[in-house]
Amino acid sequence: MIEREGGRLAVKVPLTMANARGLLEAGRVALQPGEQVFDFSAVNEADSSAIAVMLGWLRAAEPSNSTVKFAHIPAGVRSLAELYGVTELLPLA
């Protein structure tokens, strides 16, 4: 689901409701102290559950002494973040 590639956490499956619970847990497990960049460049499908997963990773980062950023957020997810008014909560890499 998530693979560490060149200092980034590459998301390799669709960011959809069907994968949300697994992605949330995989991201939590992958967190290490320091800056973690979740890279969505391989994601070809996403729905509104992506926002919940991303916010969940941000919440999980604090206790693990991590700082989370996001790279290559799919356009549809960006639009949803704007619609929901949470764009400023999603730090970009």
PDB file of N, CA and C in Angstrom:
ATOM      1  N   MET A   1       0.816  -1.205   0.000  1.00  0.00           N
ATOM      2  CA  MET A   1       0.000   0.000   0.000  1.00  0.00           C
ATOM      3  C   MET A   1       0.858   1.267   0.000  1.00  0.00           C
ATOM      4  N   ILE A   2       1.844   1.289   0.926  1.00  0.00           N
ATOM      5  CA  ILE A   2       2.754   2.424   1.031  1.00  0.00           C
ATOM      6  C   ILE A   2       4.166   1.866   1.051  1.00  0.00           C
ATOM      7  N   GLU A   3       5.031   2.426   0.196  1.00  0.00           N
ATOM      8  CA  GLU A   3       6.412   1.982   0.122  1.00  0.00           C
ATOM      9  C   GLU A   3       7.346   3.168   0.347  1.00  0.00           C
ATOM     10  N   ARG A   4       8.398   2.933   1.091  1.00  0.00           N
ATOM     11  CA  ARG A   4       9.404   3.976   1.304  1.00  0.00           C
ATOM     12  C   ARG A   4      10.299   4.013   0.069  1.00  0.00           C
ATOM     13  N   GLU A   5      10.354   5.162  -0.588  1.00  0.00           N
ATOM     14  CA  GLU A   5      11.142   5.331  -1.815  1.00  0.00           C
ATOM     15  C   GLU A   5      11.902   6.642  -1.741  1.00  0.00           C
ATOM     16  N   GLY A   6      13.212   6.557  -1.675  1.00  0.00           N
ATOM     17  CA  GLY A   6      14.027   7.768  -1.698  1.00  0.00           C
ATOM     18  C   GLY A   6      13.633   8.805  -0.679  1.00  0.00           C
ATOM     19  N   GLY A   7      13.355   8.394   0.534  1.00  0.00           N
ATOM     20  CA  GLY A   7      12.992   9.333   1.585  1.00  0.00           C
ATOM     21  C   GLY A   7      11.540   9.766   1.574  1.00  0.00           C
ATOM     22  N   ARG A   8      10.764   9.203   0.680  1.00  0.00           N
ATOM     23  CA  ARG A   8       9.332   9.526   0.618  1.00  0.00           C
ATOM     24  C   ARG A   8       8.520   8.279   0.888  1.00  0.00           C
ATOM     25  N   LEU A   9       7.277   8.485   1.293  1.00  0.00           N
ATOM     26  CA  LEU A   9       6.345   7.392   1.484  1.00  0.00           C
ATOM     27  C   LEU A   9       5.392   7.405   0.290  1.00  0.00           C
ATOM     28  N   ALA A  10       5.637   6.508  -0.648  1.00  0.00           N
ATOM     29  CA  ALA A  10       4.868   6.475  -1.894  1.00  0.00           C
ATOM     30  C   ALA A  10       3.600   5.660  -1.696  1.00  0.00           C
ATOM     31  N   VAL A  11       2.467   6.310  -1.916  1.00  0.00           N
ATOM     32  CA  VAL A  11       1.174   5.635  -1.829  1.00  0.00           C
ATOM     33  C   VAL A  11       0.945   4.948  -3.172  1.00  0.00           C
ATOM     34  N   LYS A  12       0.707   3.629  -3.131  1.00  0.00           N
ATOM     35  CA  LYS A  12       0.659   2.816  -4.342  1.00  0.00           C
ATOM     36  C   LYS A  12      -0.724   2.279  -4.694  1.00  0.00           C
ATOM     37  N   VAL A  13      -1.735   2.641  -3.923  1.00  0.00           N
ATOM     38  CA  VAL A  13      -3.096   2.154  -4.177  1.00  0.00           C
ATOM     39  C   VAL A  13      -4.045   3.343  -4.234  1.00  0.00           C
ATOM     40  N   PRO A  14      -5.237   3.152  -4.800  1.00  0.00           N
ATOM     41  CA  PRO A  14      -6.211   4.247  -4.839  1.00  0.00           C
ATOM     42  C   PRO A  14      -6.557   4.749  -3.434  1.00  0.00           C
ATOM     43  N   LEU A  15      -6.742   6.055  -3.329  1.00  0.00           N
ATOM     44  CA  LEU A  15      -7.168   6.684  -2.074  1.00  0.00           C
ATOM     45  C   LEU A  15      -8.688   6.707  -2.046  1.00  0.00           C
ATOM     46  N   THR A  16      -9.264   5.548  -1.822  1.00  0.00           N
ATOM     47  CA  THR A  16     -10.722   5.416  -1.851  1.00  0.00           C
ATOM     48  C   THR A  16     -11.223   4.804  -0.547  1.00  0.00           C
ATOM     49  N   MET A  17     -12.520   4.856  -0.361  1.00  0.00           N
ATOM     50  CA  MET A  17     -13.150   4.314   0.837  1.00  0.00           C
ATOM     51  C   MET A  17     -12.754   2.851   1.052  1.00  0.00           C
ATOM     52  N   ALA A  18     -12.619   2.096  -0.016  1.00  0.00           N
ATOM     53  CA  ALA A  18     -12.274   0.683   0.098  1.00  0.00           C
ATOM     54  C   ALA A  18     -10.896   0.474   0.722  1.00  0.00           C
ATOM     55  N   ASN A  19      -9.993   1.419   0.541  1.00  0.00           N
ATOM     56  CA  ASN A  19      -8.625   1.305   1.052  1.00  0.00           C
ATOM     57  C   ASN A  19      -8.342   2.202   2.249  1.00  0.00           C
ATOM     58  N   ALA A  20      -9.289   3.023   2.649  1.00  0.00           N
ATOM     59  CA  ALA A  20      -9.036   4.063   3.640  1.00  0.00           C
ATOM     60  C   ALA A  20      -8.499   3.512   4.962  1.00  0.00           C
ATOM     61  N   ARG A  21      -9.131   2.524   5.518  1.00  0.00           N
ATOM     62  CA  ARG A  21      -8.712   1.997   6.820  1.00  0.00           C
ATOM     63  C   ARG A  21      -7.294   1.416   6.741  1.00  0.00           C
ATOM     64  N   GLY A  22      -7.020   0.647   5.692  1.00  0.00           N
ATOM     65  CA  GLY A  22      -5.696   0.061   5.511  1.00  0.00           C
ATOM     66  C   GLY A  22      -4.627   1.110   5.284  1.00  0.00           C
ATOM     67  N   LEU A  23      -4.950   2.141   4.488  1.00  0.00           N
ATOM     68  CA  LEU A  23      -3.993   3.223   4.239  1.00  0.00           C
ATOM     69  C   LEU A  23      -3.697   4.019   5.505  1.00  0.00           C
ATOM     70  N   LEU A  24      -4.726   4.272   6.281  1.00  0.00           N
ATOM     71  CA  LEU A  24      -4.534   5.011   7.525  1.00  0.00           C
ATOM     72  C   LEU A  24      -3.558   4.263   8.421  1.00  0.00           C
ATOM     73  N   GLU A  25      -3.773   2.964   8.585  1.00  0.00           N
ATOM     74  CA  GLU A  25      -2.893   2.165   9.437  1.00  0.00           C
ATOM     75  C   GLU A  25      -1.491   2.033   8.845  1.00  0.00           C
ATOM     76  N   ALA A  26      -1.392   1.810   7.539  1.00  0.00           N
ATOM     77  CA  ALA A  26      -0.082   1.687   6.893  1.00  0.00           C
ATOM     78  C   ALA A  26       0.719   2.979   7.050  1.00  0.00           C
ATOM     79  N   GLY A  27       0.054   4.118   6.932  1.00  0.00           N
ATOM     80  CA  GLY A  27       0.723   5.398   7.115  1.00  0.00           C
ATOM     81  C   GLY A  27       1.189   5.594   8.541  1.00  0.00           C
ATOM     82  N   ARG A  28       0.360   5.210   9.500  1.00  0.00           N
ATOM     83  CA  ARG A  28       0.756   5.319  10.909  1.00  0.00           C
ATOM     84  C   ARG A  28       1.994   4.482  11.199  1.00  0.00           C
ATOM     85  N   VAL A  29       2.010   3.259  10.670  1.00  0.00           N
ATOM     86  CA  VAL A  29       3.139   2.352  10.888  1.00  0.00           C
ATOM     87  C   VAL A  29       4.408   2.900  10.234  1.00  0.00           C
ATOM     88  N   ALA A  30       4.263   3.563   9.097  1.00  0.00           N
ATOM     89  CA  ALA A  30       5.417   4.070   8.346  1.00  0.00           C
ATOM     90  C   ALA A  30       6.034   5.329   8.948  1.00  0.00           C
ATOM     91  N   LEU A  31       5.306   6.010   9.829  1.00  0.00           N
ATOM     92  CA  LEU A  31       5.814   7.258  10.403  1.00  0.00           C
ATOM     93  C   LEU A  31       7.062   7.019  11.243  1.00  0.00           C
ATOM     94  N   GLN A  32       8.050   7.882  11.038  1.00  0.00           N
ATOM     95  CA  GLN A  32       9.297   7.869  11.792  1.00  0.00           C
ATOM     96  C   GLN A  32       9.565   9.296  12.250  1.00  0.00           C
ATOM     97  N   PRO A  33      10.399   9.460  13.253  1.00  0.00           N
ATOM     98  CA  PRO A  33      10.737  10.826  13.669  1.00  0.00           C
ATOM     99  C   PRO A  33      11.322  11.627  12.498  1.00  0.00           C
ATOM    100  N   GLY A  34      10.987  12.892  12.453  1.00  0.00           N
ATOM    101  CA  GLY A  34      11.464  13.765  11.383  1.00  0.00           C
ATOM    102  C   GLY A  34      10.386  13.994  10.338  1.00  0.00           C
ATOM    103  N   GLU A  35      10.784  14.605   9.237  1.00  0.00           N
ATOM    104  CA  GLU A  35       9.829  14.934   8.176  1.00  0.00           C
ATOM    105  C   GLU A  35       9.509  13.705   7.328  1.00  0.00           C
ATOM    106  N   GLN A  36       8.227  13.485   7.126  1.00  0.00           N
ATOM    107  CA  GLN A  36       7.734  12.393   6.301  1.00  0.00           C
ATOM    108  C   GLN A  36       6.906  13.001   5.166  1.00  0.00           C
ATOM    109  N   VAL A  37       7.230  12.635   3.945  1.00  0.00           N
ATOM    110  CA  VAL A  37       6.501  13.155   2.790  1.00  0.00           C
ATOM    111  C   VAL A  37       5.726  11.998   2.165  1.00  0.00           C
ATOM    112  N   PHE A  38       4.404  12.114   2.196  1.00  0.00           N
ATOM    113  CA  PHE A  38       3.550  11.151   1.516  1.00  0.00           C
ATOM    114  C   PHE A  38       3.416  11.608   0.062  1.00  0.00           C
ATOM    115  N   ASP A  39       3.812  10.758  -0.857  1.00  0.00           N
ATOM    116  CA  ASP A  39       3.821  11.081  -2.285  1.00  0.00           C
ATOM    117  C   ASP A  39       2.692  10.333  -2.981  1.00  0.00           C
ATOM    118  N   PHE A  40       1.799  11.092  -3.592  1.00  0.00           N
ATOM    119  CA  PHE A  40       0.629  10.519  -4.248  1.00  0.00           C
ATOM    120  C   PHE A  40       0.772  10.443  -5.766  1.00  0.00           C
ATOM    121  N   SER A  41       1.984  10.550  -6.287  1.00  0.00           N
ATOM    122  CA  SER A  41       2.167  10.580  -7.743  1.00  0.00           C
ATOM    123  C   SER A  41       1.706   9.287  -8.419  1.00  0.00           C
ATOM    124  N   ALA A  42       1.660   8.164  -7.715  1.00  0.00           N
ATOM    125  CA  ALA A  42       1.207   6.902  -8.305  1.00  0.00           C
ATOM    126  C   ALA A  42      -0.288   6.663  -8.118  1.00  0.00           C
ATOM    127  N   VAL A  43      -0.966   7.576  -7.440  1.00  0.00           N
ATOM    128  CA  VAL A  43      -2.404   7.412  -7.170  1.00  0.00           C
ATOM    129  C   VAL A  43      -3.199   7.857  -8.386  1.00  0.00           C
ATOM    130  N   ASN A  44      -4.009   6.938  -8.918  1.00  0.00           N
ATOM    131  CA  ASN A  44      -4.812   7.272 -10.095  1.00  0.00           C
ATOM    132  C   ASN A  44      -6.298   7.392  -9.785  1.00  0.00           C
ATOM    133  N   GLU A  45      -6.679   7.149  -8.544  1.00  0.00           N
ATOM    134  CA  GLU A  45      -8.081   7.260  -8.154  1.00  0.00           C
ATOM    135  C   GLU A  45      -8.155   7.699  -6.700  1.00  0.00           C
ATOM    136  N   ALA A  46      -9.038   8.658  -6.405  1.00  0.00           N
ATOM    137  CA  ALA A  46      -9.196   9.136  -5.033  1.00  0.00           C
ATOM    138  C   ALA A  46     -10.616   9.649  -4.844  1.00  0.00           C
ATOM    139  N   ASP A  47     -11.115   9.527  -3.623  1.00  0.00           N
ATOM    140  CA  ASP A  47     -12.423  10.078  -3.289  1.00  0.00           C
ATOM    141  C   ASP A  47     -12.300  10.868  -1.983  1.00  0.00           C
ATOM    142  N   SER A  48     -13.418  11.255  -1.411  1.00  0.00           N
ATOM    143  CA  SER A  48     -13.390  12.113  -0.235  1.00  0.00           C
ATOM    144  C   SER A  48     -12.738  11.457   0.978  1.00  0.00           C
ATOM    145  N   SER A  49     -12.657  10.141   1.007  1.00  0.00           N
ATOM    146  CA  SER A  49     -12.006   9.482   2.141  1.00  0.00           C
ATOM    147  C   SER A  49     -10.520   9.832   2.198  1.00  0.00           C
ATOM    148  N   ALA A  50      -9.935  10.273   1.094  1.00  0.00           N
ATOM    149  CA  ALA A  50      -8.524  10.672   1.081  1.00  0.00           C
ATOM    150  C   ALA A  50      -8.268  11.796   2.077  1.00  0.00           C
ATOM    151  N   ILE A  51      -9.204  12.726   2.195  1.00  0.00           N
ATOM    152  CA  ILE A  51      -9.047  13.839   3.137  1.00  0.00           C
ATOM    153  C   ILE A  51      -8.985  13.298   4.565  1.00  0.00           C
ATOM    154  N   ALA A  52      -9.867  12.377   4.895  1.00  0.00           N
ATOM    155  CA  ALA A  52      -9.884  11.800   6.241  1.00  0.00           C
ATOM    156  C   ALA A  52      -8.589  11.055   6.534  1.00  0.00           C
ATOM    157  N   VAL A  53      -8.082  10.312   5.568  1.00  0.00           N
ATOM    158  CA  VAL A  53      -6.832   9.578   5.751  1.00  0.00           C
ATOM    159  C   VAL A  53      -5.675  10.555   5.965  1.00  0.00           C
ATOM    160  N   MET A  54      -5.602  11.583   5.161  1.00  0.00           N
ATOM    161  CA  MET A  54      -4.516  12.556   5.287  1.00  0.00           C
ATOM    162  C   MET A  54      -4.565  13.257   6.644  1.00  0.00           C
ATOM    163  N   LEU A  55      -5.744  13.643   7.085  1.00  0.00           N
ATOM    164  CA  LEU A  55      -5.870  14.277   8.398  1.00  0.00           C
ATOM    165  C   LEU A  55      -5.512  13.298   9.508  1.00  0.00           C
ATOM    166  N   GLY A  56      -5.847  12.032   9.321  1.00  0.00           N
ATOM    167  CA  GLY A  56      -5.471  11.009  10.295  1.00  0.00           C
ATOM    168  C   GLY A  56      -3.968  10.856  10.407  1.00  0.00           C
ATOM    169  N   TRP A  57      -3.264  10.906   9.280  1.00  0.00           N
ATOM    170  CA  TRP A  57      -1.800  10.836   9.311  1.00  0.00           C
ATOM    171  C   TRP A  57      -1.220  12.041  10.034  1.00  0.00           C
ATOM    172  N   LEU A  58      -1.810  13.212   9.816  1.00  0.00           N
ATOM    173  CA  LEU A  58      -1.328  14.411  10.511  1.00  0.00           C
ATOM    174  C   LEU A  58      -1.496  14.262  12.021  1.00  0.00           C
ATOM    175  N   ARG A  59      -2.639  13.726  12.460  1.00  0.00           N
ATOM    176  CA  ARG A  59      -2.867  13.516  13.887  1.00  0.00           C
ATOM    177  C   ARG A  59      -1.892  12.493  14.462  1.00  0.00           C
ATOM    178  N   ALA A  60      -1.614  11.447  13.707  1.00  0.00           N
ATOM    179  CA  ALA A  60      -0.719  10.385  14.171  1.00  0.00           C
ATOM    180  C   ALA A  60       0.735  10.836  14.220  1.00  0.00           C
ATOM    181  N   ALA A  61       1.076  11.867  13.485  1.00  0.00           N
ATOM    182  CA  ALA A  61       2.471  12.309  13.390  1.00  0.00           C
ATOM    183  C   ALA A  61       2.989  12.894  14.695  1.00  0.00           C
ATOM    184  N   GLU A  62       2.173  13.610  15.408  1.00  0.00           N
ATOM    185  CA  GLU A  62       2.639  14.303  16.613  1.00  0.00           C
ATOM    186  C   GLU A  62       3.217  13.348  17.660  1.00  0.00           C
ATOM    187  N   PRO A  63       2.506  12.295  18.045  1.00  0.00           N
ATOM    188  CA  PRO A  63       3.082  11.404  19.060  1.00  0.00           C
ATOM    189  C   PRO A  63       4.344  10.669  18.582  1.00  0.00           C
ATOM    190  N   SER A  64       4.525  10.540  17.264  1.00  0.00           N
ATOM    191  CA  SER A  64       5.703   9.836  16.750  1.00  0.00           C
ATOM    192  C   SER A  64       6.855  10.788  16.427  1.00  0.00           C
ATOM    193  N   ASN A  65       6.701  12.067  16.848  1.00  0.00           N
ATOM    194  CA  ASN A  65       7.719  13.094  16.586  1.00  0.00           C
ATOM    195  C   ASN A  65       8.007  13.251  15.099  1.00  0.00           C
ATOM    196  N   SER A  66       6.959  13.161  14.296  1.00  0.00           N
ATOM    197  CA  SER A  66       7.061  13.316  12.843  1.00  0.00           C
ATOM    198  C   SER A  66       6.415  14.617  12.411  1.00  0.00           C
ATOM    199  N   THR A  67       6.844  15.083  11.258  1.00  0.00           N
ATOM    200  CA  THR A  67       6.194  16.189  10.575  1.00  0.00           C
ATOM    201  C   THR A  67       5.773  15.643   9.216  1.00  0.00           C
ATOM    202  N   VAL A  68       4.498  15.749   8.903  1.00  0.00           N
ATOM    203  CA  VAL A  68       3.967  15.186   7.661  1.00  0.00           C
ATOM    204  C   VAL A  68       3.745  16.280   6.633  1.00  0.00           C
ATOM    205  N   LYS A  69       4.145  15.977   5.400  1.00  0.00           N
ATOM    206  CA  LYS A  69       3.847  16.828   4.247  1.00  0.00           C
ATOM    207  C   LYS A  69       3.327  15.935   3.135  1.00  0.00           C
ATOM    208  N   PHE A  70       2.661  16.557   2.176  1.00  0.00           N
ATOM    209  CA  PHE A  70       2.057  15.818   1.077  1.00  0.00           C
ATOM    210  C   PHE A  70       2.560  16.335  -0.260  1.00  0.00           C
ATOM    211  N   ALA A  71       2.873  15.407  -1.162  1.00  0.00           N
ATOM    212  CA  ALA A  71       3.350  15.759  -2.496  1.00  0.00           C
ATOM    213  C   ALA A  71       2.450  15.124  -3.545  1.00  0.00           C
ATOM    214  N   HIS A  72       2.230  15.858  -4.619  1.00  0.00           N
ATOM    215  CA  HIS A  72       1.460  15.370  -5.773  1.00  0.00           C
ATOM    216  C   HIS A  72       0.036  14.950  -5.384  1.00  0.00           C
ATOM    217  N   ILE A  73      -0.617  15.805  -4.594  1.00  0.00           N
ATOM    218  CA  ILE A  73      -2.003  15.523  -4.213  1.00  0.00           C
ATOM    219  C   ILE A  73      -2.859  15.538  -5.474  1.00  0.00           C
ATOM    220  N   PRO A  74      -3.688  14.512  -5.701  1.00  0.00           N
ATOM    221  CA  PRO A  74      -4.548  14.495  -6.890  1.00  0.00           C
ATOM    222  C   PRO A  74      -5.448  15.736  -6.945  1.00  0.00           C
ATOM    223  N   ALA A  75      -5.693  16.212  -8.151  1.00  0.00           N
ATOM    224  CA  ALA A  75      -6.485  17.434  -8.349  1.00  0.00           C
ATOM    225  C   ALA A  75      -7.861  17.336  -7.697  1.00  0.00           C
ATOM    226  N   GLY A  76      -8.484  16.192  -7.797  1.00  0.00           N
ATOM    227  CA  GLY A  76      -9.809  16.015  -7.196  1.00  0.00           C
ATOM    228  C   GLY A  76      -9.778  16.149  -5.682  1.00  0.00           C
ATOM    229  N   VAL A  77      -8.721  15.662  -5.075  1.00  0.00           N
ATOM    230  CA  VAL A  77      -8.580  15.764  -3.615  1.00  0.00           C
ATOM    231  C   VAL A  77      -8.332  17.220  -3.224  1.00  0.00           C
ATOM    232  N   ARG A  78      -7.536  17.925  -4.011  1.00  0.00           N
ATOM    233  CA  ARG A  78      -7.325  19.360  -3.752  1.00  0.00           C
ATOM    234  C   ARG A  78      -8.652  20.114  -3.818  1.00  0.00           C
ATOM    235  N   SER A  79      -9.461  19.798  -4.819  1.00  0.00           N
ATOM    236  CA  SER A  79     -10.762  20.460  -4.963  1.00  0.00           C
ATOM    237  C   SER A  79     -11.657  20.172  -3.764  1.00  0.00           C
ATOM    238  N   LEU A  80     -11.645  18.918  -3.298  1.00  0.00           N
ATOM    239  CA  LEU A  80     -12.446  18.568  -2.125  1.00  0.00           C
ATOM    240  C   LEU A  80     -11.945  19.305  -0.883  1.00  0.00           C
ATOM    241  N   ALA A  81     -10.632  19.410  -0.731  1.00  0.00           N
ATOM    242  CA  ALA A  81     -10.071  20.121   0.418  1.00  0.00           C
ATOM    243  C   ALA A  81     -10.510  21.591   0.398  1.00  0.00           C
ATOM    244  N   GLU A  82     -10.523  22.187  -0.778  1.00  0.00           N
ATOM    245  CA  GLU A  82     -11.001  23.570  -0.904  1.00  0.00           C
ATOM    246  C   GLU A  82     -12.480  23.654  -0.546  1.00  0.00           C
ATOM    247  N   LEU A  83     -13.264  22.722  -1.049  1.00  0.00           N
ATOM    248  CA  LEU A  83     -14.702  22.701  -0.771  1.00  0.00           C
ATOM    249  C   LEU A  83     -14.976  22.560   0.722  1.00  0.00           C
ATOM    250  N   TYR A  84     -14.219  21.703   1.392  1.00  0.00           N
ATOM    251  CA  TYR A  84     -14.404  21.457   2.830  1.00  0.00           C
ATOM    252  C   TYR A  84     -13.737  22.520   3.693  1.00  0.00           C
ATOM    253  N   GLY A  85     -12.929  23.392   3.096  1.00  0.00           N
ATOM    254  CA  GLY A  85     -12.257  24.447   3.849  1.00  0.00           C
ATOM    255  C   GLY A  85     -11.090  23.949   4.690  1.00  0.00           C
ATOM    256  N   VAL A  86     -10.409  22.890   4.235  1.00  0.00           N
ATOM    257  CA  VAL A  86      -9.298  22.332   5.005  1.00  0.00           C
ATOM    258  C   VAL A  86      -7.963  22.401   4.268  1.00  0.00           C
ATOM    259  N   THR A  87      -7.917  23.131   3.180  1.00  0.00           N
ATOM    260  CA  THR A  87      -6.697  23.217   2.379  1.00  0.00           C
ATOM    261  C   THR A  87      -5.500  23.626   3.217  1.00  0.00           C
ATOM    262  N   GLU A  88      -5.676  24.599   4.100  1.00  0.00           N
ATOM    263  CA  GLU A  88      -4.557  25.090   4.905  1.00  0.00           C
ATOM    264  C   GLU A  88      -4.066  24.066   5.918  1.00  0.00           C
ATOM    265  N   LEU A  89      -4.841  23.019   6.167  1.00  0.00           N
ATOM    266  CA  LEU A  89      -4.429  21.970   7.107  1.00  0.00           C
ATOM    267  C   LEU A  89      -3.551  20.910   6.460  1.00  0.00           C
ATOM    268  N   LEU A  90      -3.463  20.927   5.126  1.00  0.00           N
ATOM    269  CA  LEU A  90      -2.722  19.898   4.389  1.00  0.00           C
ATOM    270  C   LEU A  90      -1.401  20.485   3.893  1.00  0.00           C
ATOM    271  N   PRO A  91      -0.327  20.336   4.667  1.00  0.00           N
ATOM    272  CA  PRO A  91       0.961  20.925   4.288  1.00  0.00           C
ATOM    273  C   PRO A  91       1.538  20.241   3.042  1.00  0.00           C
ATOM    274  N   LEU A  92       1.980  21.058   2.105  1.00  0.00           N
ATOM    275  CA  LEU A  92       2.538  20.543   0.857  1.00  0.00           C
ATOM    276  C   LEU A  92       4.048  20.464   0.919  1.00  0.00           C
ATOM    277  N   ALA A  93       4.593  19.468   0.246  1.00  0.00           N
ATOM    278  CA  ALA A  93       6.051  19.298   0.186  1.00  0.00           C
ATOM    279  C   ALA A  93       6.591  20.117  -0.958  1.00  0.00           C
TER     280      ALA A  93
END
